[in-house]
Amino acid sequence: MPILTLSTDFGVGSPYVAAMKGVVLSINPAATVVDITHAVPPQDVRYAAIVLDDVAERFPEGTIHVAVVDPGVGTERGLVLAEIGRQRFLAPDNGLLSRLAARTRPSKIVRLTEPGFWLPDVSATFHGRDILAPVAARLSLGLDPDRLGVPQDRLVMLDWPEVRQRPDGIDGSVLWIDGFGNLITDITRAMLADHWAWDRAIVRCREGRVEGLSRTYGDRPPGTLVALVGSSDRLELAVVGGSAAERLGAGVGDPVELRWEAGLGLGLRTD
């Protein structure tokens, strides 16, 4: 039986989360429900898209992911089932699945139009409970996804800043900020693969400047601003024992510049 995950902006401890779980378990008492996060900033579809893109691939084949960050709930925006890779996703069609779909083309998209698989009474403000949760539970019991509605050609896609690679460095931006105040960028480990001299990297964001990439946070003294490739395989800026976001006054979308400069010789490597 597939795992079923939940990702929302409802807030930690929200009764809305419990309501969705109650619906799932009422239909499939044997369901395994895993919380990815309920701490997405309110109505922040872009943040949720990044979370799903980072986390979903860690789950087993066949996992059903339910994501509810839905500023347009009750409007004409669609609700969809998308099969991406070897997993299934249920979400509003508002760009929430756009990073996943940009990386791996969906093999199936179905717009949810068949109310026979929803709860009998559908609130205009809680489609996560009344539509997505019962559909997910029925899928976990083996329901054919083609019965859920009508085929759809494509998903709504959000625009994402383009990372620019150049001979002397890379221009990116802050993609998101984690709970520690670390600035996670859209510059990936793969983009750095051709540059062996990571000790010669200069990283700048706002007024912050870091010479060389550290291997981990503890390599430098407390209070030091550092740059490193974190567990998401993305370049990040962090303050050892503190918050880079607060130190630099930085936010999502702020430019991050990486340049290769001779003569630093810090000897710091991340591989």
C-alpha atoms as a PDB file:
ATOM      1  CA  MET A   1       0.000   0.000   0.000  1.00  0.00           C
ATOM      2  CA  PRO A   2       1.526   3.362  -0.995  1.00  0.00           C
ATOM      3  CA  ILE A   3       2.610   5.999   1.495  1.00  0.00           C
ATOM      4  CA  LEU A   4       0.538   9.185   1.503  1.00  0.00           C
ATOM      5  CA  THR A   5       2.215  12.514   2.336  1.00  0.00           C
ATOM      6  CA  LEU A   6       0.787  15.905   3.297  1.00  0.00           C
ATOM      7  CA  SER A   7       2.331  19.328   2.658  1.00  0.00           C
ATOM      8  CA  THR A   8       0.385  22.471   3.562  1.00  0.00           C
ATOM      9  CA  ASP A   9       0.597  26.049   4.794  1.00  0.00           C
ATOM     10  CA  PHE A  10      -1.901  25.320   7.586  1.00  0.00           C
ATOM     11  CA  GLY A  11       0.616  25.714  10.415  1.00  0.00           C
ATOM     12  CA  VAL A  12       2.110  23.257  12.886  1.00  0.00           C
ATOM     13  CA  GLY A  13      -0.602  21.714  15.060  1.00  0.00           C
ATOM     14  CA  SER A  14      -3.419  23.021  12.875  1.00  0.00           C
ATOM     15  CA  PRO A  15      -6.773  21.224  13.253  1.00  0.00           C
ATOM     16  CA  TYR A  16      -7.104  21.500   9.473  1.00  0.00           C
ATOM     17  CA  VAL A  17      -4.314  18.939   9.151  1.00  0.00           C
ATOM     18  CA  ALA A  18      -6.116  16.610  11.542  1.00  0.00           C
ATOM     19  CA  ALA A  19      -9.305  16.993   9.519  1.00  0.00           C
ATOM     20  CA  MET A  20      -7.538  15.861   6.346  1.00  0.00           C
ATOM     21  CA  LYS A  21      -6.000  12.886   8.132  1.00  0.00           C
ATOM     22  CA  GLY A  22      -9.391  11.969   9.546  1.00  0.00           C
ATOM     23  CA  VAL A  23     -10.899  11.882   6.065  1.00  0.00           C
ATOM     24  CA  VAL A  24      -8.058   9.735   4.725  1.00  0.00           C
ATOM     25  CA  LEU A  25      -8.268   7.247   7.603  1.00  0.00           C
ATOM     26  CA  SER A  26     -12.050   7.050   7.439  1.00  0.00           C
ATOM     27  CA  ILE A  27     -11.741   5.785   3.854  1.00  0.00           C
ATOM     28  CA  ASN A  28      -8.537   3.774   4.304  1.00  0.00           C
ATOM     29  CA  PRO A  29      -7.862   2.971   7.983  1.00  0.00           C
ATOM     30  CA  ALA A  30      -4.623   1.215   7.013  1.00  0.00           C
ATOM     31  CA  ALA A  31      -3.145   4.252   5.275  1.00  0.00           C
ATOM     32  CA  THR A  32       0.361   5.398   6.219  1.00  0.00           C
ATOM     33  CA  VAL A  33       0.250   9.194   6.366  1.00  0.00           C
ATOM     34  CA  VAL A  34       3.503  11.162   6.570  1.00  0.00           C
ATOM     35  CA  ASP A  35       3.753  14.907   7.181  1.00  0.00           C
ATOM     36  CA  ILE A  36       6.327  16.593   4.963  1.00  0.00           C
ATOM     37  CA  THR A  37       5.614  20.057   6.341  1.00  0.00           C
ATOM     38  CA  HIS A  38       2.760  22.260   7.465  1.00  0.00           C
ATOM     39  CA  ALA A  39       5.037  25.265   7.968  1.00  0.00           C
ATOM     40  CA  VAL A  40       4.968  26.614   4.412  1.00  0.00           C
ATOM     41  CA  PRO A  41       4.574  30.396   4.747  1.00  0.00           C
ATOM     42  CA  PRO A  42       0.890  31.255   4.254  1.00  0.00           C
ATOM     43  CA  GLN A  43      -0.125  31.166   0.573  1.00  0.00           C
ATOM     44  CA  ASP A  44       3.503  30.866  -0.549  1.00  0.00           C
ATOM     45  CA  VAL A  45       3.107  28.596  -3.573  1.00  0.00           C
ATOM     46  CA  ARG A  46       6.716  29.073  -4.665  1.00  0.00           C
ATOM     47  CA  TYR A  47       8.085  27.908  -1.311  1.00  0.00           C
ATOM     48  CA  ALA A  48       5.875  24.822  -1.403  1.00  0.00           C
ATOM     49  CA  ALA A  49       7.008  24.055  -4.962  1.00  0.00           C
ATOM     50  CA  ILE A  50      10.631  24.104  -3.810  1.00  0.00           C
ATOM     51  CA  VAL A  51       9.885  21.859  -0.825  1.00  0.00           C
ATOM     52  CA  LEU A  52       8.185  19.246  -3.002  1.00  0.00           C
ATOM     53  CA  ASP A  53      10.968  19.346  -5.562  1.00  0.00           C
ATOM     54  CA  ASP A  54      13.555  18.803  -2.829  1.00  0.00           C
ATOM     55  CA  VAL A  55      11.769  16.161  -0.766  1.00  0.00           C
ATOM     56  CA  ALA A  56       9.486  14.063  -2.969  1.00  0.00           C
ATOM     57  CA  GLU A  57      12.250  12.078  -4.630  1.00  0.00           C
ATOM     58  CA  ARG A  58      13.310  10.742  -1.220  1.00  0.00           C
ATOM     59  CA  PHE A  59      10.076   8.765  -0.951  1.00  0.00           C
ATOM     60  CA  PRO A  60       9.453   5.292  -2.386  1.00  0.00           C
ATOM     61  CA  GLU A  61       8.020   4.594  -5.794  1.00  0.00           C
ATOM     62  CA  GLY A  62       4.235   4.885  -5.802  1.00  0.00           C
ATOM     63  CA  THR A  63       4.019   7.464  -2.995  1.00  0.00           C
ATOM     64  CA  ILE A  64       0.978   9.751  -3.198  1.00  0.00           C
ATOM     65  CA  HIS A  65       1.808  13.368  -2.322  1.00  0.00           C
ATOM     66  CA  VAL A  66      -1.007  15.730  -1.339  1.00  0.00           C
ATOM     67  CA  ALA A  67      -0.035  19.408  -1.361  1.00  0.00           C
ATOM     68  CA  VAL A  68      -2.386  22.184  -0.292  1.00  0.00           C
ATOM     69  CA  VAL A  69      -1.161  25.751  -0.662  1.00  0.00           C
ATOM     70  CA  ASP A  70      -4.144  27.243  -2.369  1.00  0.00           C
ATOM     71  CA  PRO A  71      -4.779  31.005  -2.403  1.00  0.00           C
ATOM     72  CA  GLY A  72      -7.353  30.450  -5.170  1.00  0.00           C
ATOM     73  CA  VAL A  73      -9.442  27.874  -3.299  1.00  0.00           C
ATOM     74  CA  GLY A  74     -13.061  28.001  -4.439  1.00  0.00           C
ATOM     75  CA  THR A  75     -12.273  29.803  -7.704  1.00  0.00           C
ATOM     76  CA  GLU A  76     -12.061  28.372 -11.206  1.00  0.00           C
ATOM     77  CA  ARG A  77      -8.460  27.175 -10.707  1.00  0.00           C
ATOM     78  CA  GLY A  78      -8.236  23.432 -11.228  1.00  0.00           C
ATOM     79  CA  LEU A  79      -7.304  20.585  -8.944  1.00  0.00           C
ATOM     80  CA  VAL A  80      -5.132  17.940 -10.559  1.00  0.00           C
ATOM     81  CA  LEU A  81      -3.581  14.539 -10.251  1.00  0.00           C
ATOM     82  CA  ALA A  82      -0.145  14.461 -11.871  1.00  0.00           C
ATOM     83  CA  GLU A  83       2.057  11.409 -12.299  1.00  0.00           C
ATOM     84  CA  ILE A  84       5.648  12.641 -12.273  1.00  0.00           C
ATOM     85  CA  GLY A  85       8.425  10.099 -12.329  1.00  0.00           C
ATOM     86  CA  ARG A  86       7.187   7.124 -10.339  1.00  0.00           C
ATOM     87  CA  GLN A  87       5.055   9.091  -7.905  1.00  0.00           C
ATOM     88  CA  ARG A  88       1.653  10.738  -7.855  1.00  0.00           C
ATOM     89  CA  PHE A  89       0.826  14.285  -6.827  1.00  0.00           C
ATOM     90  CA  LEU A  90      -2.519  15.831  -5.906  1.00  0.00           C
ATOM     91  CA  ALA A  91      -2.562  19.619  -5.745  1.00  0.00           C
ATOM     92  CA  PRO A  92      -4.199  22.806  -6.964  1.00  0.00           C
ATOM     93  CA  ASP A  93      -3.010  23.635 -10.472  1.00  0.00           C
ATOM     94  CA  ASN A  94      -1.432  26.945  -9.482  1.00  0.00           C
ATOM     95  CA  GLY A  95       2.249  26.315 -10.122  1.00  0.00           C
ATOM     96  CA  LEU A  96       2.803  24.218  -7.012  1.00  0.00           C
ATOM     97  CA  LEU A  97       4.022  21.310  -9.145  1.00  0.00           C
ATOM     98  CA  SER A  98       5.977  23.454 -11.588  1.00  0.00           C
ATOM     99  CA  ARG A  99       9.512  22.719 -10.366  1.00  0.00           C
ATOM    100  CA  LEU A 100       8.847  18.983 -10.380  1.00  0.00           C
ATOM    101  CA  ALA A 101       7.293  19.184 -13.826  1.00  0.00           C
ATOM    102  CA  ALA A 102      10.164  21.281 -15.204  1.00  0.00           C
ATOM    103  CA  ARG A 103      12.655  18.623 -14.124  1.00  0.00           C
ATOM    104  CA  THR A 104      10.584  15.568 -15.126  1.00  0.00           C
ATOM    105  CA  ARG A 105       7.782  15.795 -17.655  1.00  0.00           C
ATOM    106  CA  PRO A 106       4.511  14.441 -16.196  1.00  0.00           C
ATOM    107  CA  SER A 107       3.404  11.174 -17.781  1.00  0.00           C
ATOM    108  CA  LYS A 108      -0.235  11.811 -16.858  1.00  0.00           C
ATOM    109  CA  ILE A 109      -2.268  14.840 -15.778  1.00  0.00           C
ATOM    110  CA  VAL A 110      -5.918  14.501 -14.801  1.00  0.00           C
ATOM    111  CA  ARG A 111      -8.135  17.414 -13.819  1.00  0.00           C
ATOM    112  CA  LEU A 112     -10.342  16.324 -10.913  1.00  0.00           C
ATOM    113  CA  THR A 113     -13.915  16.680 -12.145  1.00  0.00           C
ATOM    114  CA  GLU A 114     -15.727  13.610 -10.770  1.00  0.00           C
ATOM    115  CA  PRO A 115     -17.486  14.531  -7.484  1.00  0.00           C
ATOM    116  CA  GLY A 116     -18.407  10.905  -6.830  1.00  0.00           C
ATOM    117  CA  PHE A 117     -14.907  10.472  -5.346  1.00  0.00           C
ATOM    118  CA  TRP A 118     -15.118  13.579  -3.131  1.00  0.00           C
ATOM    119  CA  LEU A 119     -16.921  14.102   0.145  1.00  0.00           C
ATOM    120  CA  PRO A 120     -20.674  14.631  -0.283  1.00  0.00           C
ATOM    121  CA  ASP A 121     -20.551  18.239   0.937  1.00  0.00           C
ATOM    122  CA  VAL A 122     -17.692  20.321  -0.453  1.00  0.00           C
ATOM    123  CA  SER A 123     -16.769  23.559   1.276  1.00  0.00           C
ATOM    124  CA  ALA A 124     -15.745  26.436  -0.975  1.00  0.00           C
ATOM    125  CA  THR A 125     -12.778  27.092   1.321  1.00  0.00           C
ATOM    126  CA  PHE A 126     -11.382  23.625   2.161  1.00  0.00           C
ATOM    127  CA  HIS A 127     -10.813  21.545  -0.943  1.00  0.00           C
ATOM    128  CA  GLY A 128      -7.869  19.844   0.757  1.00  0.00           C
ATOM    129  CA  ARG A 129     -10.240  18.099   3.141  1.00  0.00           C
ATOM    130  CA  ASP A 130     -13.229  17.646   0.892  1.00  0.00           C
ATOM    131  CA  ILE A 131     -11.642  16.767  -2.461  1.00  0.00           C
ATOM    132  CA  LEU A 132      -7.909  16.019  -2.286  1.00  0.00           C
ATOM    133  CA  ALA A 133      -7.923  13.935   0.905  1.00  0.00           C
ATOM    134  CA  PRO A 134     -10.707  11.519  -0.174  1.00  0.00           C
ATOM    135  CA  VAL A 135      -9.227  11.221  -3.668  1.00  0.00           C
ATOM    136  CA  ALA A 136      -5.819  10.388  -2.183  1.00  0.00           C
ATOM    137  CA  ALA A 137      -7.319   7.779   0.114  1.00  0.00           C
ATOM    138  CA  ARG A 138      -9.141   6.101  -2.764  1.00  0.00           C
ATOM    139  CA  LEU A 139      -6.007   6.132  -4.899  1.00  0.00           C
ATOM    140  CA  SER A 140      -4.166   4.399  -2.054  1.00  0.00           C
ATOM    141  CA  LEU A 141      -6.805   1.644  -2.231  1.00  0.00           C
ATOM    142  CA  GLY A 142      -6.154   1.129  -5.942  1.00  0.00           C
ATOM    143  CA  LEU A 143      -8.593   3.472  -7.696  1.00  0.00           C
ATOM    144  CA  ASP A 144      -7.773   3.921 -11.392  1.00  0.00           C
ATOM    145  CA  PRO A 145      -6.660   7.583 -11.712  1.00  0.00           C
ATOM    146  CA  ASP A 146      -8.337   7.871 -15.118  1.00  0.00           C
ATOM    147  CA  ARG A 147     -11.703   7.703 -13.342  1.00  0.00           C
ATOM    148  CA  LEU A 148     -11.004  10.937 -11.442  1.00  0.00           C
ATOM    149  CA  GLY A 149     -11.690  13.330 -14.284  1.00  0.00           C
ATOM    150  CA  VAL A 150     -10.543  14.510 -17.690  1.00  0.00           C
ATOM    151  CA  PRO A 151      -7.037  14.453 -19.184  1.00  0.00           C
ATOM    152  CA  GLN A 152      -5.099  17.710 -19.196  1.00  0.00           C
ATOM    153  CA  ASP A 153      -2.171  18.600 -21.466  1.00  0.00           C
ATOM    154  CA  ARG A 154      -0.044  20.708 -19.145  1.00  0.00           C
ATOM    155  CA  LEU A 155       0.299  22.199 -15.693  1.00  0.00           C
ATOM    156  CA  VAL A 156       0.420  25.847 -14.717  1.00  0.00           C
ATOM    157  CA  MET A 157       4.119  26.763 -14.599  1.00  0.00           C
ATOM    158  CA  LEU A 158       5.705  29.519 -12.532  1.00  0.00           C
ATOM    159  CA  ASP A 159       8.612  31.581 -13.797  1.00  0.00           C
ATOM    160  CA  TRP A 160      11.847  30.870 -11.934  1.00  0.00           C
ATOM    161  CA  PRO A 161      14.972  33.062 -12.066  1.00  0.00           C
ATOM    162  CA  GLU A 162      17.578  31.771 -14.486  1.00  0.00           C
ATOM    163  CA  VAL A 163      21.012  30.938 -13.130  1.00  0.00           C
ATOM    164  CA  ARG A 164      23.685  32.408 -15.404  1.00  0.00           C
ATOM    165  CA  GLN A 165      26.959  30.532 -15.708  1.00  0.00           C
ATOM    166  CA  ARG A 166      29.999  32.369 -17.032  1.00  0.00           C
ATOM    167  CA  PRO A 167      33.697  31.535 -17.336  1.00  0.00           C
ATOM    168  CA  ASP A 168      34.649  33.418 -14.179  1.00  0.00           C
ATOM    169  CA  GLY A 169      31.664  32.458 -12.008  1.00  0.00           C
ATOM    170  CA  ILE A 170      27.925  32.041 -11.577  1.00  0.00           C
ATOM    171  CA  ASP A 171      25.084  34.516 -10.990  1.00  0.00           C
ATOM    172  CA  GLY A 172      22.175  33.106  -9.000  1.00  0.00           C
ATOM    173  CA  SER A 173      19.741  34.151  -6.306  1.00  0.00           C
ATOM    174  CA  VAL A 174      18.323  33.174  -2.936  1.00  0.00           C
ATOM    175  CA  LEU A 175      15.780  30.438  -3.597  1.00  0.00           C
ATOM    176  CA  TRP A 176      14.504  30.047  -0.046  1.00  0.00           C
ATOM    177  CA  ILE A 177      15.435  30.580   3.598  1.00  0.00           C
ATOM    178  CA  ASP A 178      15.393  27.635   5.974  1.00  0.00           C
ATOM    179  CA  GLY A 179      14.429  27.624   9.646  1.00  0.00           C
ATOM    180  CA  PHE A 180      18.002  28.415  10.717  1.00  0.00           C
ATOM    181  CA  GLY A 181      18.143  31.556   8.587  1.00  0.00           C
ATOM    182  CA  ASN A 182      20.448  29.930   6.020  1.00  0.00           C
ATOM    183  CA  LEU A 183      20.156  31.426   2.536  1.00  0.00           C
ATOM    184  CA  ILE A 184      19.653  28.521   0.123  1.00  0.00           C
ATOM    185  CA  THR A 185      20.513  29.517  -3.436  1.00  0.00           C
ATOM    186  CA  ASP A 186      19.686  28.128  -6.865  1.00  0.00           C
ATOM    187  CA  ILE A 187      23.391  27.488  -7.560  1.00  0.00           C
ATOM    188  CA  THR A 188      23.830  23.717  -7.446  1.00  0.00           C
ATOM    189  CA  ARG A 189      26.716  21.380  -6.760  1.00  0.00           C
ATOM    190  CA  ALA A 190      26.506  20.230 -10.386  1.00  0.00           C
ATOM    191  CA  MET A 191      27.159  23.788 -11.566  1.00  0.00           C
ATOM    192  CA  LEU A 192      30.333  23.821  -9.500  1.00  0.00           C
ATOM    193  CA  ALA A 193      31.521  20.427 -10.721  1.00  0.00           C
ATOM    194  CA  ASP A 194      33.902  21.797 -13.346  1.00  0.00           C
ATOM    195  CA  HIS A 195      35.679  24.032 -10.852  1.00  0.00           C
ATOM    196  CA  TRP A 196      38.103  22.109  -8.640  1.00  0.00           C
ATOM    197  CA  ALA A 197      39.494  25.165  -6.817  1.00  0.00           C
ATOM    198  CA  TRP A 198      36.567  25.795  -4.506  1.00  0.00           C
ATOM    199  CA  ASP A 199      38.987  27.539  -2.151  1.00  0.00           C
ATOM    200  CA  ARG A 200      39.198  30.357  -4.736  1.00  0.00           C
ATOM    201  CA  ALA A 201      35.486  31.099  -4.703  1.00  0.00           C
ATOM    202  CA  ILE A 202      34.257  34.543  -3.671  1.00  0.00           C
ATOM    203  CA  VAL A 203      30.550  34.591  -2.769  1.00  0.00           C
ATOM    204  CA  ARG A 204      28.650  37.859  -2.368  1.00  0.00           C
ATOM    205  CA  CYS A 205      25.091  38.593  -1.261  1.00  0.00           C
ATOM    206  CA  ARG A 206      24.018  42.103  -0.304  1.00  0.00           C
ATOM    207  CA  GLU A 207      26.867  43.413   1.898  1.00  0.00           C
ATOM    208  CA  GLY A 208      28.147  39.933   2.714  1.00  0.00           C
ATOM    209  CA  ARG A 209      31.361  38.570   1.210  1.00  0.00           C
ATOM    210  CA  VAL A 210      32.795  35.085   1.799  1.00  0.00           C
ATOM    211  CA  GLU A 211      36.191  33.846   0.627  1.00  0.00           C
ATOM    212  CA  GLY A 212      36.281  30.121  -0.102  1.00  0.00           C
ATOM    213  CA  LEU A 213      33.668  27.425   0.430  1.00  0.00           C
ATOM    214  CA  SER A 214      33.554  25.575   3.729  1.00  0.00           C
ATOM    215  CA  ARG A 215      32.906  21.854   4.061  1.00  0.00           C
ATOM    216  CA  THR A 216      30.464  22.250   6.952  1.00  0.00           C
ATOM    217  CA  TYR A 217      29.232  24.855   9.443  1.00  0.00           C
ATOM    218  CA  GLY A 218      31.562  23.826  12.268  1.00  0.00           C
ATOM    219  CA  ASP A 219      34.706  24.428  10.199  1.00  0.00           C
ATOM    220  CA  ARG A 220      34.652  28.116  11.135  1.00  0.00           C
ATOM    221  CA  PRO A 221      34.283  29.983  14.448  1.00  0.00           C
ATOM    222  CA  PRO A 222      30.841  30.978  15.821  1.00  0.00           C
ATOM    223  CA  GLY A 223      29.482  34.129  14.240  1.00  0.00           C
ATOM    224  CA  THR A 224      31.380  33.621  10.976  1.00  0.00           C
ATOM    225  CA  LEU A 225      29.556  34.099   7.681  1.00  0.00           C
ATOM    226  CA  VAL A 226      30.273  31.017   5.578  1.00  0.00           C
ATOM    227  CA  ALA A 227      29.378  29.622   2.157  1.00  0.00           C
ATOM    228  CA  LEU A 228      29.020  25.900   1.565  1.00  0.00           C
ATOM    229  CA  VAL A 229      27.123  23.294  -0.417  1.00  0.00           C
ATOM    230  CA  GLY A 230      24.453  21.965   1.930  1.00  0.00           C
ATOM    231  CA  SER A 231      22.389  18.795   2.098  1.00  0.00           C
ATOM    232  CA  SER A 232      20.123  20.005  -0.721  1.00  0.00           C
ATOM    233  CA  ASP A 233      23.205  20.077  -3.004  1.00  0.00           C
ATOM    234  CA  ARG A 234      22.800  23.836  -3.335  1.00  0.00           C
ATOM    235  CA  LEU A 235      25.172  26.626  -2.421  1.00  0.00           C
ATOM    236  CA  GLU A 236      24.067  28.343   0.757  1.00  0.00           C
ATOM    237  CA  LEU A 237      25.170  31.210   2.953  1.00  0.00           C
ATOM    238  CA  ALA A 238      25.049  30.670   6.689  1.00  0.00           C
ATOM    239  CA  VAL A 239      26.231  32.238   9.925  1.00  0.00           C
ATOM    240  CA  VAL A 240      27.809  29.717  12.289  1.00  0.00           C
ATOM    241  CA  GLY A 241      25.445  29.617  15.259  1.00  0.00           C
ATOM    242  CA  GLY A 242      23.327  32.432  13.834  1.00  0.00           C
ATOM    243  CA  SER A 243      21.133  33.589  10.945  1.00  0.00           C
ATOM    244  CA  ALA A 244      22.526  34.739   7.617  1.00  0.00           C
ATOM    245  CA  ALA A 245      19.127  36.163   6.686  1.00  0.00           C
ATOM    246  CA  GLU A 246      19.216  38.453   9.722  1.00  0.00           C
ATOM    247  CA  ARG A 247      22.914  39.298   9.405  1.00  0.00           C
ATOM    248  CA  LEU A 248      22.607  40.348   5.771  1.00  0.00           C
ATOM    249  CA  GLY A 249      18.993  41.505   5.758  1.00  0.00           C
ATOM    250  CA  ALA A 250      18.539  39.191   2.786  1.00  0.00           C
ATOM    251  CA  GLY A 251      15.386  37.666   1.384  1.00  0.00           C
ATOM    252  CA  VAL A 252      14.142  35.323  -1.312  1.00  0.00           C
ATOM    253  CA  GLY A 253      15.110  36.567  -4.756  1.00  0.00           C
ATOM    254  CA  ASP A 254      18.164  38.547  -3.663  1.00  0.00           C
ATOM    255  CA  PRO A 255      21.092  38.156  -6.097  1.00  0.00           C
ATOM    256  CA  VAL A 256      23.993  35.884  -5.167  1.00  0.00           C
ATOM    257  CA  GLU A 257      27.249  36.250  -7.053  1.00  0.00           C
ATOM    258  CA  LEU A 258      29.991  33.631  -7.126  1.00  0.00           C
ATOM    259  CA  ARG A 259      33.351  34.431  -8.718  1.00  0.00           C
ATOM    260  CA  TRP A 260      36.615  32.526  -9.033  1.00  0.00           C
ATOM    261  CA  GLU A 261      39.572  34.615  -7.941  1.00  0.00           C
ATOM    262  CA  ALA A 262      43.248  33.698  -7.805  1.00  0.00           C
ATOM    263  CA  GLY A 263      45.469  33.904  -4.781  1.00  0.00           C
ATOM    264  CA  LEU A 264      43.126  33.042  -1.935  1.00  0.00           C
ATOM    265  CA  GLY A 265      44.536  29.598  -1.189  1.00  0.00           C
ATOM    266  CA  LEU A 266      42.254  28.856   1.745  1.00  0.00           C
ATOM    267  CA  GLY A 267      42.405  25.131   1.086  1.00  0.00           C
ATOM    268  CA  LEU A 268      38.687  24.627   1.767  1.00  0.00           C
ATOM    269  CA  ARG A 269      36.992  21.837  -0.176  1.00  0.00           C
ATOM    270  CA  THR A 270      33.464  20.433   0.019  1.00  0.00           C
ATOM    271  CA  ASP A 271      34.112  17.098  -1.641  1.00  0.00           C
END
